[in-house]
Amino acid sequence: MRQVSLGRLARLFAWVGLSSVGGGRSAFLFDAFVTRRAWLSADEFLPGLTLSQILPGPTISNLAIFVGTKLGGGRGAIVGWLAVLLPGALAILFLAALYFERGVGPSAASVLRGMGAAVAGFLFVTTAQMARVALRSRGAPWIAALTFAAVALLRLNTFLVLLLVGALSLWINRPQRSVGAPPPPSDPGAPA
């Protein structure tokens, strides 16, 4: 496991927390930790992203804890979590105060729409980078297509779809026994 100093982790997480936007903040973490610095490989990052998305709570908090733990242990987890959340929390408090005092004019709304398009483009690029790794496992392209069709086209319940395709993916990717391998002993204490 690669170790990164807590100061470097704090600075990078704080920058991501201040500069990243919206529900795609995990893409910013991927870009910062995998693409730009190679502190983690995509194969190390993606299981954390998966866990972060299926566990309760905000994905960015869960992912910051995962990445912080991988790179700095328990203290890295705390530093990552605080550093990714505090800058954004302070920024939104400041912007909320401005909004309630002055409101948002037409020029600000135009800027926000333009920024939204830029963020969508960035998310597309990062999703494509992550998909190259995520879609390598057995049956992964079919699982992704089935999930997309069920949620986007058929509008089925997302939680139910994730349970079903998750179970299907686990079954497809279950460990295979080697041909001719002896079965595991039924009693661990029994002599071989």
N, C-alpha and C. Protein backbone atom coordinates (compact mmCIF):
# COMPACT_ATOMS: atom_id res chain seq x y z
N MET A 1 0.84 -1.18 0.00
CA MET A 1 0.00 0.00 0.00
C MET A 1 0.88 1.24 0.00
N ARG A 2 0.61 2.16 -0.91
CA ARG A 2 1.37 3.39 -1.01
C ARG A 2 0.98 4.32 0.14
N GLN A 3 1.97 4.95 0.76
CA GLN A 3 1.72 5.92 1.83
C GLN A 3 2.00 7.32 1.31
N VAL A 4 1.07 8.22 1.56
CA VAL A 4 1.20 9.62 1.17
C VAL A 4 1.10 10.44 2.44
N SER A 5 1.89 11.49 2.54
CA SER A 5 1.87 12.30 3.77
C SER A 5 0.49 12.90 3.99
N LEU A 6 0.14 13.07 5.26
CA LEU A 6 -1.17 13.63 5.61
C LEU A 6 -1.34 15.05 5.08
N GLY A 7 -0.25 15.80 5.04
CA GLY A 7 -0.31 17.16 4.51
C GLY A 7 -0.66 17.17 3.02
N ARG A 8 -0.02 16.29 2.27
CA ARG A 8 -0.33 16.20 0.83
C ARG A 8 -1.75 15.73 0.61
N LEU A 9 -2.19 14.74 1.40
CA LEU A 9 -3.57 14.27 1.29
C LEU A 9 -4.55 15.39 1.61
N ALA A 10 -4.29 16.12 2.68
CA ALA A 10 -5.19 17.21 3.08
C ALA A 10 -5.30 18.26 1.98
N ARG A 11 -4.16 18.65 1.41
CA ARG A 11 -4.18 19.67 0.36
C ARG A 11 -4.96 19.19 -0.87
N LEU A 12 -4.73 17.95 -1.29
CA LEU A 12 -5.40 17.45 -2.49
C LEU A 12 -6.90 17.25 -2.24
N PHE A 13 -7.25 16.66 -1.11
CA PHE A 13 -8.67 16.49 -0.80
C PHE A 13 -9.37 17.84 -0.66
N ALA A 14 -8.70 18.81 -0.04
CA ALA A 14 -9.29 20.14 0.10
C ALA A 14 -9.50 20.79 -1.26
N TRP A 15 -8.53 20.62 -2.15
CA TRP A 15 -8.68 21.19 -3.50
C TRP A 15 -9.84 20.54 -4.23
N VAL A 16 -9.94 19.21 -4.14
CA VAL A 16 -11.06 18.51 -4.78
C VAL A 16 -12.37 18.96 -4.16
N GLY A 17 -12.39 19.09 -2.83
CA GLY A 17 -13.60 19.53 -2.15
C GLY A 17 -14.03 20.93 -2.55
N LEU A 18 -13.08 21.78 -2.85
CA LEU A 18 -13.39 23.16 -3.23
C LEU A 18 -13.67 23.31 -4.72
N SER A 19 -13.02 22.52 -5.54
CA SER A 19 -13.13 22.72 -6.99
C SER A 19 -14.09 21.76 -7.69
N SER A 20 -14.50 20.69 -7.03
CA SER A 20 -15.40 19.73 -7.68
C SER A 20 -16.85 20.13 -7.45
N VAL A 21 -17.71 19.67 -8.34
CA VAL A 21 -19.10 20.09 -8.28
C VAL A 21 -20.02 18.90 -8.49
N GLY A 22 -21.18 18.98 -7.86
CA GLY A 22 -22.29 18.08 -8.14
C GLY A 22 -22.06 16.63 -7.80
N GLY A 23 -22.94 15.79 -8.33
CA GLY A 23 -22.93 14.38 -8.05
C GLY A 23 -21.76 13.65 -8.67
N GLY A 24 -21.01 14.31 -9.52
CA GLY A 24 -19.88 13.67 -10.18
C GLY A 24 -18.57 13.91 -9.47
N ARG A 25 -18.61 14.21 -8.19
CA ARG A 25 -17.38 14.53 -7.48
C ARG A 25 -16.43 13.35 -7.43
N SER A 26 -16.95 12.14 -7.53
CA SER A 26 -16.06 10.98 -7.55
C SER A 26 -15.17 11.00 -8.79
N ALA A 27 -15.66 11.59 -9.87
CA ALA A 27 -14.84 11.71 -11.08
C ALA A 27 -13.65 12.63 -10.82
N PHE A 28 -13.84 13.65 -10.01
CA PHE A 28 -12.74 14.54 -9.67
C PHE A 28 -11.69 13.80 -8.84
N LEU A 29 -12.16 12.95 -7.90
CA LEU A 29 -11.21 12.16 -7.11
C LEU A 29 -10.46 11.18 -8.00
N PHE A 30 -11.15 10.54 -8.95
CA PHE A 30 -10.49 9.63 -9.88
C PHE A 30 -9.41 10.38 -10.66
N ASP A 31 -9.77 11.54 -11.17
CA ASP A 31 -8.81 12.34 -11.94
C ASP A 31 -7.60 12.72 -11.08
N ALA A 32 -7.85 13.15 -9.84
CA ALA A 32 -6.77 13.62 -8.98
C ALA A 32 -5.86 12.50 -8.50
N PHE A 33 -6.43 11.38 -8.08
CA PHE A 33 -5.64 10.33 -7.45
C PHE A 33 -5.16 9.24 -8.40
N VAL A 34 -5.91 8.99 -9.48
CA VAL A 34 -5.55 7.91 -10.41
C VAL A 34 -4.89 8.48 -11.67
N THR A 35 -5.58 9.40 -12.34
CA THR A 35 -5.08 9.89 -13.63
C THR A 35 -3.87 10.80 -13.49
N ARG A 36 -3.95 11.80 -12.65
CA ARG A 36 -2.89 12.81 -12.58
C ARG A 36 -1.68 12.39 -11.74
N ARG A 37 -1.92 11.73 -10.58
CA ARG A 37 -0.81 11.42 -9.68
C ARG A 37 -0.44 9.95 -9.63
N ALA A 38 -1.31 9.08 -10.08
CA ALA A 38 -1.09 7.62 -10.04
C ALA A 38 -0.78 7.13 -8.63
N TRP A 39 -1.40 7.75 -7.63
CA TRP A 39 -1.24 7.27 -6.26
C TRP A 39 -2.04 5.99 -6.05
N LEU A 40 -3.07 5.80 -6.87
CA LEU A 40 -3.86 4.58 -6.89
C LEU A 40 -4.04 4.16 -8.34
N SER A 41 -4.17 2.87 -8.56
CA SER A 41 -4.51 2.40 -9.91
C SER A 41 -6.03 2.42 -10.04
N ALA A 42 -6.51 2.36 -11.26
CA ALA A 42 -7.96 2.28 -11.47
C ALA A 42 -8.52 1.03 -10.82
N ASP A 43 -7.76 -0.07 -10.84
CA ASP A 43 -8.20 -1.31 -10.20
C ASP A 43 -8.31 -1.18 -8.69
N GLU A 44 -7.52 -0.30 -8.08
CA GLU A 44 -7.64 -0.05 -6.64
C GLU A 44 -8.78 0.91 -6.33
N PHE A 45 -8.99 1.88 -7.21
CA PHE A 45 -9.99 2.92 -6.99
C PHE A 45 -11.43 2.43 -7.18
N LEU A 46 -11.67 1.67 -8.23
CA LEU A 46 -13.04 1.30 -8.60
C LEU A 46 -13.78 0.47 -7.55
N PRO A 47 -13.15 -0.48 -6.85
CA PRO A 47 -13.89 -1.15 -5.78
C PRO A 47 -14.35 -0.17 -4.68
N GLY A 48 -13.51 0.81 -4.39
CA GLY A 48 -13.89 1.83 -3.41
C GLY A 48 -15.05 2.66 -3.88
N LEU A 49 -15.06 2.99 -5.17
CA LEU A 49 -16.18 3.74 -5.73
C LEU A 49 -17.46 2.92 -5.65
N THR A 50 -17.35 1.63 -5.98
CA THR A 50 -18.53 0.76 -5.90
C THR A 50 -19.07 0.70 -4.48
N LEU A 51 -18.19 0.46 -3.50
CA LEU A 51 -18.61 0.43 -2.10
C LEU A 51 -19.20 1.76 -1.67
N SER A 52 -18.58 2.85 -2.09
CA SER A 52 -19.05 4.18 -1.71
C SER A 52 -20.44 4.47 -2.23
N GLN A 53 -20.77 3.92 -3.39
CA GLN A 53 -22.08 4.16 -3.97
C GLN A 53 -23.16 3.29 -3.36
N ILE A 54 -22.81 2.08 -2.91
CA ILE A 54 -23.85 1.21 -2.37
C ILE A 54 -24.03 1.37 -0.87
N LEU A 55 -23.05 1.95 -0.18
CA LEU A 55 -23.19 2.18 1.26
C LEU A 55 -24.03 3.43 1.52
N PRO A 56 -24.70 3.48 2.66
CA PRO A 56 -25.46 4.69 3.00
C PRO A 56 -24.53 5.91 3.13
N GLY A 57 -25.06 7.06 2.87
CA GLY A 57 -24.30 8.30 3.01
C GLY A 57 -23.85 8.84 1.67
N PRO A 58 -23.34 10.05 1.67
CA PRO A 58 -22.87 10.66 0.43
C PRO A 58 -21.68 9.90 -0.15
N THR A 59 -21.72 9.66 -1.44
CA THR A 59 -20.64 8.93 -2.11
C THR A 59 -19.29 9.61 -1.89
N ILE A 60 -19.24 10.93 -1.97
CA ILE A 60 -17.96 11.62 -1.85
C ILE A 60 -17.35 11.41 -0.47
N SER A 61 -18.17 11.40 0.58
CA SER A 61 -17.65 11.16 1.94
C SER A 61 -17.11 9.75 2.06
N ASN A 62 -17.89 8.79 1.60
CA ASN A 62 -17.47 7.40 1.67
C ASN A 62 -16.19 7.17 0.87
N LEU A 63 -16.12 7.76 -0.32
CA LEU A 63 -14.96 7.57 -1.18
C LEU A 63 -13.73 8.26 -0.60
N ALA A 64 -13.90 9.42 0.01
CA ALA A 64 -12.77 10.11 0.64
C ALA A 64 -12.21 9.27 1.79
N ILE A 65 -13.09 8.62 2.53
CA ILE A 65 -12.64 7.76 3.62
C ILE A 65 -11.89 6.55 3.05
N PHE A 66 -12.42 5.96 1.98
CA PHE A 66 -11.75 4.81 1.35
C PHE A 66 -10.36 5.20 0.83
N VAL A 67 -10.30 6.25 0.04
CA VAL A 67 -9.02 6.67 -0.54
C VAL A 67 -8.06 7.11 0.55
N GLY A 68 -8.56 7.87 1.53
CA GLY A 68 -7.70 8.30 2.63
C GLY A 68 -7.11 7.13 3.39
N THR A 69 -7.93 6.09 3.61
CA THR A 69 -7.44 4.89 4.30
C THR A 69 -6.38 4.19 3.48
N LYS A 70 -6.62 4.05 2.16
CA LYS A 70 -5.64 3.38 1.29
C LYS A 70 -4.30 4.10 1.30
N LEU A 71 -4.32 5.43 1.37
CA LEU A 71 -3.08 6.20 1.22
C LEU A 71 -2.48 6.71 2.53
N GLY A 72 -3.28 6.70 3.61
CA GLY A 72 -2.76 7.25 4.86
C GLY A 72 -3.27 6.56 6.11
N GLY A 73 -3.86 5.39 5.96
CA GLY A 73 -4.36 4.67 7.13
C GLY A 73 -5.56 5.36 7.76
N GLY A 74 -5.76 5.11 9.04
CA GLY A 74 -6.89 5.69 9.76
C GLY A 74 -6.86 7.21 9.80
N ARG A 75 -5.69 7.76 10.02
CA ARG A 75 -5.57 9.23 10.03
C ARG A 75 -5.82 9.80 8.64
N GLY A 76 -5.40 9.07 7.61
CA GLY A 76 -5.67 9.50 6.24
C GLY A 76 -7.16 9.53 5.95
N ALA A 77 -7.90 8.56 6.52
CA ALA A 77 -9.35 8.54 6.34
C ALA A 77 -10.00 9.77 6.95
N ILE A 78 -9.58 10.13 8.14
CA ILE A 78 -10.15 11.31 8.82
C ILE A 78 -9.78 12.57 8.07
N VAL A 79 -8.52 12.69 7.68
CA VAL A 79 -8.06 13.87 6.93
C VAL A 79 -8.81 13.99 5.61
N GLY A 80 -8.93 12.88 4.88
CA GLY A 80 -9.63 12.89 3.60
C GLY A 80 -11.08 13.32 3.75
N TRP A 81 -11.76 12.74 4.72
CA TRP A 81 -13.17 13.05 4.95
C TRP A 81 -13.38 14.53 5.30
N LEU A 82 -12.59 15.02 6.26
CA LEU A 82 -12.74 16.43 6.66
C LEU A 82 -12.33 17.39 5.54
N ALA A 83 -11.21 17.09 4.90
CA ALA A 83 -10.69 18.01 3.89
C ALA A 83 -11.57 18.07 2.65
N VAL A 84 -12.24 16.98 2.28
CA VAL A 84 -13.09 17.02 1.09
C VAL A 84 -14.42 17.70 1.40
N LEU A 85 -14.88 17.65 2.65
CA LEU A 85 -16.18 18.23 2.98
C LEU A 85 -16.14 19.69 3.43
N LEU A 86 -15.14 20.04 4.22
CA LEU A 86 -15.13 21.39 4.79
C LEU A 86 -15.06 22.53 3.77
N PRO A 87 -14.19 22.49 2.77
CA PRO A 87 -14.16 23.61 1.81
C PRO A 87 -15.50 23.82 1.10
N GLY A 88 -16.12 22.74 0.67
CA GLY A 88 -17.42 22.86 0.01
C GLY A 88 -18.49 23.36 0.95
N ALA A 89 -18.46 22.90 2.19
CA ALA A 89 -19.45 23.35 3.18
C ALA A 89 -19.30 24.84 3.44
N LEU A 90 -18.06 25.30 3.59
CA LEU A 90 -17.84 26.73 3.81
C LEU A 90 -18.24 27.56 2.58
N ALA A 91 -17.93 27.06 1.39
CA ALA A 91 -18.29 27.77 0.16
C ALA A 91 -19.80 27.87 0.03
N ILE A 92 -20.54 26.80 0.32
CA ILE A 92 -22.00 26.85 0.18
C ILE A 92 -22.61 27.77 1.22
N LEU A 93 -22.04 27.82 2.41
CA LEU A 93 -22.55 28.76 3.42
C LEU A 93 -22.38 30.21 2.93
N PHE A 94 -21.21 30.50 2.37
CA PHE A 94 -20.95 31.84 1.84
C PHE A 94 -21.90 32.17 0.68
N LEU A 95 -22.03 31.24 -0.28
CA LEU A 95 -22.90 31.47 -1.43
C LEU A 95 -24.37 31.55 -1.03
N ALA A 96 -24.77 30.75 -0.05
CA ALA A 96 -26.16 30.82 0.42
C ALA A 96 -26.45 32.18 1.05
N ALA A 97 -25.49 32.69 1.80
CA ALA A 97 -25.66 34.02 2.40
C ALA A 97 -25.79 35.07 1.30
N LEU A 98 -24.96 34.99 0.27
CA LEU A 98 -25.07 35.93 -0.87
C LEU A 98 -26.41 35.78 -1.58
N TYR A 99 -26.83 34.56 -1.80
CA TYR A 99 -28.08 34.31 -2.51
C TYR A 99 -29.26 34.90 -1.75
N PHE A 100 -29.33 34.66 -0.46
CA PHE A 100 -30.47 35.16 0.32
C PHE A 100 -30.41 36.66 0.50
N GLU A 101 -29.23 37.24 0.38
CA GLU A 101 -29.11 38.69 0.49
C GLU A 101 -29.40 39.38 -0.85
N ARG A 102 -28.90 38.79 -1.96
CA ARG A 102 -29.00 39.48 -3.26
C ARG A 102 -29.77 38.73 -4.33
N GLY A 103 -29.92 37.41 -4.20
CA GLY A 103 -30.59 36.62 -5.24
C GLY A 103 -29.62 36.30 -6.37
N VAL A 104 -30.14 35.63 -7.41
CA VAL A 104 -29.33 35.26 -8.56
C VAL A 104 -29.90 35.98 -9.78
N GLY A 105 -29.06 36.76 -10.43
CA GLY A 105 -29.49 37.49 -11.61
C GLY A 105 -29.38 36.65 -12.86
N PRO A 106 -29.86 37.17 -13.99
CA PRO A 106 -29.80 36.41 -15.25
C PRO A 106 -28.39 36.06 -15.70
N SER A 107 -27.43 36.93 -15.44
CA SER A 107 -26.06 36.63 -15.87
C SER A 107 -25.48 35.46 -15.08
N ALA A 108 -25.79 35.38 -13.79
CA ALA A 108 -25.31 34.25 -12.98
C ALA A 108 -25.95 32.95 -13.44
N ALA A 109 -27.21 32.99 -13.80
CA ALA A 109 -27.89 31.79 -14.28
C ALA A 109 -27.25 31.29 -15.58
N SER A 110 -26.86 32.21 -16.47
CA SER A 110 -26.20 31.83 -17.72
C SER A 110 -24.85 31.19 -17.45
N VAL A 111 -24.11 31.75 -16.53
CA VAL A 111 -22.80 31.20 -16.17
C VAL A 111 -22.97 29.78 -15.62
N LEU A 112 -23.97 29.58 -14.77
CA LEU A 112 -24.19 28.27 -14.19
C LEU A 112 -24.59 27.24 -15.25
N ARG A 113 -25.39 27.64 -16.24
CA ARG A 113 -25.74 26.72 -17.32
C ARG A 113 -24.50 26.34 -18.13
N GLY A 114 -23.65 27.30 -18.42
CA GLY A 114 -22.41 27.02 -19.15
C GLY A 114 -21.49 26.11 -18.37
N MET A 115 -21.39 26.33 -17.07
CA MET A 115 -20.56 25.47 -16.22
C MET A 115 -21.13 24.06 -16.19
N GLY A 116 -22.44 23.93 -16.22
CA GLY A 116 -23.07 22.62 -16.22
C GLY A 116 -22.65 21.80 -17.43
N ALA A 117 -22.58 22.45 -18.58
CA ALA A 117 -22.15 21.75 -19.80
C ALA A 117 -20.69 21.30 -19.69
N ALA A 118 -19.85 22.13 -19.12
CA ALA A 118 -18.44 21.77 -18.95
C ALA A 118 -18.30 20.59 -17.99
N VAL A 119 -19.07 20.61 -16.91
CA VAL A 119 -19.03 19.51 -15.94
C VAL A 119 -19.51 18.22 -16.59
N ALA A 120 -20.56 18.28 -17.40
CA ALA A 120 -21.06 17.09 -18.09
C ALA A 120 -19.99 16.51 -19.00
N GLY A 121 -19.25 17.36 -19.69
CA GLY A 121 -18.16 16.88 -20.55
C GLY A 121 -17.06 16.21 -19.75
N PHE A 122 -16.70 16.81 -18.62
CA PHE A 122 -15.68 16.23 -17.76
C PHE A 122 -16.14 14.87 -17.23
N LEU A 123 -17.38 14.78 -16.80
CA LEU A 123 -17.91 13.52 -16.30
C LEU A 123 -17.90 12.44 -17.39
N PHE A 124 -18.20 12.84 -18.61
CA PHE A 124 -18.19 11.89 -19.72
C PHE A 124 -16.79 11.31 -19.91
N VAL A 125 -15.78 12.17 -19.91
CA VAL A 125 -14.39 11.72 -20.11
C VAL A 125 -13.97 10.79 -18.98
N THR A 126 -14.23 11.18 -17.73
CA THR A 126 -13.81 10.37 -16.59
C THR A 126 -14.58 9.06 -16.55
N THR A 127 -15.87 9.08 -16.88
CA THR A 127 -16.65 7.84 -16.91
C THR A 127 -16.08 6.89 -17.96
N ALA A 128 -15.68 7.42 -19.10
CA ALA A 128 -15.08 6.57 -20.14
C ALA A 128 -13.78 5.94 -19.64
N GLN A 129 -12.97 6.71 -18.89
CA GLN A 129 -11.72 6.16 -18.34
C GLN A 129 -12.01 5.05 -17.34
N MET A 130 -12.98 5.26 -16.47
CA MET A 130 -13.32 4.25 -15.47
C MET A 130 -13.96 3.03 -16.12
N ALA A 131 -14.76 3.24 -17.16
CA ALA A 131 -15.45 2.14 -17.83
C ALA A 131 -14.47 1.17 -18.46
N ARG A 132 -13.34 1.67 -18.95
CA ARG A 132 -12.34 0.79 -19.55
C ARG A 132 -11.88 -0.28 -18.56
N VAL A 133 -11.79 0.09 -17.29
CA VAL A 133 -11.36 -0.85 -16.26
C VAL A 133 -12.56 -1.65 -15.76
N ALA A 134 -13.66 -0.98 -15.50
CA ALA A 134 -14.83 -1.63 -14.89
C ALA A 134 -15.47 -2.67 -15.80
N LEU A 135 -15.37 -2.49 -17.09
CA LEU A 135 -16.05 -3.40 -18.03
C LEU A 135 -15.18 -4.58 -18.48
N ARG A 136 -14.06 -4.81 -17.80
CA ARG A 136 -13.17 -5.92 -18.18
C ARG A 136 -13.58 -7.24 -17.57
N SER A 137 -14.35 -7.23 -16.49
CA SER A 137 -14.68 -8.50 -15.84
C SER A 137 -15.70 -9.27 -16.68
N ARG A 138 -15.81 -10.53 -16.38
CA ARG A 138 -16.69 -11.44 -17.12
C ARG A 138 -18.13 -10.94 -17.08
N GLY A 139 -18.72 -10.73 -18.24
CA GLY A 139 -20.12 -10.33 -18.36
C GLY A 139 -20.40 -8.86 -18.06
N ALA A 140 -19.37 -8.09 -17.74
CA ALA A 140 -19.58 -6.70 -17.32
C ALA A 140 -20.29 -5.85 -18.37
N PRO A 141 -19.95 -5.93 -19.66
CA PRO A 141 -20.69 -5.11 -20.64
C PRO A 141 -22.19 -5.45 -20.67
N TRP A 142 -22.50 -6.74 -20.52
CA TRP A 142 -23.92 -7.13 -20.51
C TRP A 142 -24.62 -6.65 -19.25
N ILE A 143 -23.94 -6.72 -18.12
CA ILE A 143 -24.52 -6.24 -16.86
C ILE A 143 -24.76 -4.73 -16.95
N ALA A 144 -23.80 -4.00 -17.51
CA ALA A 144 -23.97 -2.55 -17.66
C ALA A 144 -25.14 -2.23 -18.58
N ALA A 145 -25.24 -2.95 -19.69
CA ALA A 145 -26.34 -2.71 -20.64
C ALA A 145 -27.69 -3.06 -20.01
N LEU A 146 -27.74 -4.17 -19.28
CA LEU A 146 -28.98 -4.58 -18.62
C LEU A 146 -29.39 -3.55 -17.57
N THR A 147 -28.45 -3.06 -16.80
CA THR A 147 -28.74 -2.04 -15.79
C THR A 147 -29.25 -0.77 -16.44
N PHE A 148 -28.58 -0.34 -17.50
CA PHE A 148 -29.02 0.86 -18.21
C PHE A 148 -30.44 0.70 -18.73
N ALA A 149 -30.70 -0.42 -19.39
CA ALA A 149 -32.03 -0.65 -19.96
C ALA A 149 -33.11 -0.69 -18.88
N ALA A 150 -32.82 -1.38 -17.78
CA ALA A 150 -33.81 -1.52 -16.72
C ALA A 150 -34.13 -0.19 -16.04
N VAL A 151 -33.11 0.63 -15.80
CA VAL A 151 -33.33 1.88 -15.07
C VAL A 151 -33.72 3.03 -16.01
N ALA A 152 -32.96 3.21 -17.09
CA ALA A 152 -33.19 4.36 -17.96
C ALA A 152 -34.37 4.16 -18.90
N LEU A 153 -34.48 2.98 -19.49
CA LEU A 153 -35.52 2.77 -20.50
C LEU A 153 -36.83 2.25 -19.89
N LEU A 154 -36.73 1.24 -19.01
CA LEU A 154 -37.93 0.66 -18.42
C LEU A 154 -38.37 1.36 -17.14
N ARG A 155 -37.51 2.21 -16.61
CA ARG A 155 -37.78 3.00 -15.40
C ARG A 155 -38.15 2.13 -14.20
N LEU A 156 -37.43 1.01 -14.06
CA LEU A 156 -37.64 0.14 -12.92
C LEU A 156 -36.96 0.74 -11.68
N ASN A 157 -37.36 0.29 -10.52
CA ASN A 157 -36.82 0.77 -9.26
C ASN A 157 -35.31 0.53 -9.23
N THR A 158 -34.54 1.58 -9.02
CA THR A 158 -33.08 1.51 -9.07
C THR A 158 -32.54 0.54 -8.03
N PHE A 159 -33.04 0.61 -6.82
CA PHE A 159 -32.55 -0.26 -5.74
C PHE A 159 -32.80 -1.72 -6.09
N LEU A 160 -33.99 -2.03 -6.58
CA LEU A 160 -34.31 -3.40 -6.95
C LEU A 160 -33.42 -3.89 -8.10
N VAL A 161 -33.24 -3.03 -9.10
CA VAL A 161 -32.38 -3.39 -10.23
C VAL A 161 -30.95 -3.67 -9.74
N LEU A 162 -30.42 -2.82 -8.87
CA LEU A 162 -29.06 -3.03 -8.37
C LEU A 162 -28.96 -4.34 -7.59
N LEU A 163 -29.98 -4.67 -6.81
CA LEU A 163 -29.96 -5.95 -6.10
C LEU A 163 -29.92 -7.12 -7.08
N LEU A 164 -30.79 -7.06 -8.09
CA LEU A 164 -30.88 -8.17 -9.04
C LEU A 164 -29.63 -8.29 -9.92
N VAL A 165 -29.20 -7.18 -10.52
CA VAL A 165 -28.01 -7.28 -11.38
C VAL A 165 -26.75 -7.48 -10.56
N GLY A 166 -26.74 -7.00 -9.31
CA GLY A 166 -25.61 -7.27 -8.43
C GLY A 166 -25.49 -8.75 -8.14
N ALA A 167 -26.62 -9.40 -7.85
CA ALA A 167 -26.61 -10.85 -7.62
C ALA A 167 -26.19 -11.59 -8.88
N LEU A 168 -26.70 -11.17 -10.02
CA LEU A 168 -26.33 -11.79 -11.30
C LEU A 168 -24.83 -11.63 -11.56
N SER A 169 -24.30 -10.45 -11.31
CA SER A 169 -22.88 -10.20 -11.52
C SER A 169 -22.02 -11.04 -10.57
N LEU A 170 -22.46 -11.17 -9.32
CA LEU A 170 -21.73 -12.03 -8.38
C LEU A 170 -21.73 -13.47 -8.86
N TRP A 171 -22.86 -13.93 -9.37
CA TRP A 171 -22.94 -15.31 -9.86
C TRP A 171 -22.04 -15.51 -11.08
N ILE A 172 -22.09 -14.57 -12.01
CA ILE A 172 -21.27 -14.68 -13.22
C ILE A 172 -19.78 -14.67 -12.88
N ASN A 173 -19.40 -13.87 -11.89
CA ASN A 173 -17.99 -13.70 -11.54
C ASN A 173 -17.57 -14.52 -10.32
N ARG A 174 -18.34 -15.55 -9.98
CA ARG A 174 -18.00 -16.38 -8.83
C ARG A 174 -16.66 -17.09 -9.11
N PRO A 175 -15.92 -17.40 -8.07
CA PRO A 175 -14.66 -18.13 -8.26
C PRO A 175 -14.93 -19.49 -8.89
N GLN A 176 -14.11 -19.84 -9.85
CA GLN A 176 -14.24 -21.12 -10.54
C GLN A 176 -13.29 -22.12 -9.92
N ARG A 177 -13.75 -23.34 -9.76
CA ARG A 177 -12.88 -24.40 -9.27
C ARG A 177 -12.01 -24.90 -10.40
N SER A 178 -10.77 -25.19 -10.08
CA SER A 178 -9.87 -25.76 -11.08
C SER A 178 -10.30 -27.20 -11.35
N VAL A 179 -10.16 -27.61 -12.59
CA VAL A 179 -10.48 -28.98 -12.96
C VAL A 179 -9.50 -29.91 -12.26
N GLY A 180 -10.03 -30.93 -11.59
CA GLY A 180 -9.19 -31.89 -10.91
C GLY A 180 -8.76 -31.46 -9.52
N ALA A 181 -9.18 -30.27 -9.07
CA ALA A 181 -8.81 -29.81 -7.73
C ALA A 181 -9.64 -30.58 -6.71
N PRO A 182 -9.03 -31.00 -5.61
CA PRO A 182 -9.80 -31.72 -4.60
C PRO A 182 -10.79 -30.79 -3.91
N PRO A 183 -11.94 -31.32 -3.50
CA PRO A 183 -12.91 -30.46 -2.80
C PRO A 183 -12.34 -30.07 -1.44
N PRO A 184 -12.78 -28.93 -0.91
CA PRO A 184 -12.28 -28.51 0.40
C PRO A 184 -12.74 -29.50 1.46
N PRO A 185 -11.93 -29.71 2.51
CA PRO A 185 -12.31 -30.65 3.57
C PRO A 185 -13.58 -30.18 4.27
N SER A 186 -14.44 -31.14 4.65
CA SER A 186 -15.69 -30.78 5.30
C SER A 186 -15.46 -30.39 6.75
N ASP A 187 -14.43 -30.93 7.39
CA ASP A 187 -14.13 -30.61 8.77
C ASP A 187 -12.71 -30.06 8.82
N PRO A 188 -12.57 -28.74 9.15
CA PRO A 188 -11.22 -28.15 9.14
C PRO A 188 -10.26 -28.84 10.11
N GLY A 189 -10.78 -29.49 11.18
CA GLY A 189 -9.91 -30.11 12.15
C GLY A 189 -9.57 -31.55 11.81
N ALA A 190 -10.23 -32.10 10.78
CA ALA A 190 -10.00 -33.50 10.41
C ALA A 190 -8.67 -33.64 9.70
N PRO A 191 -7.99 -34.77 9.90
CA PRO A 191 -6.72 -34.97 9.19
C PRO A 191 -6.95 -35.17 7.71
N ALA A 192 -6.00 -34.75 6.89
CA ALA A 192 -6.14 -34.84 5.45
C ALA A 192 -5.94 -36.21 4.92
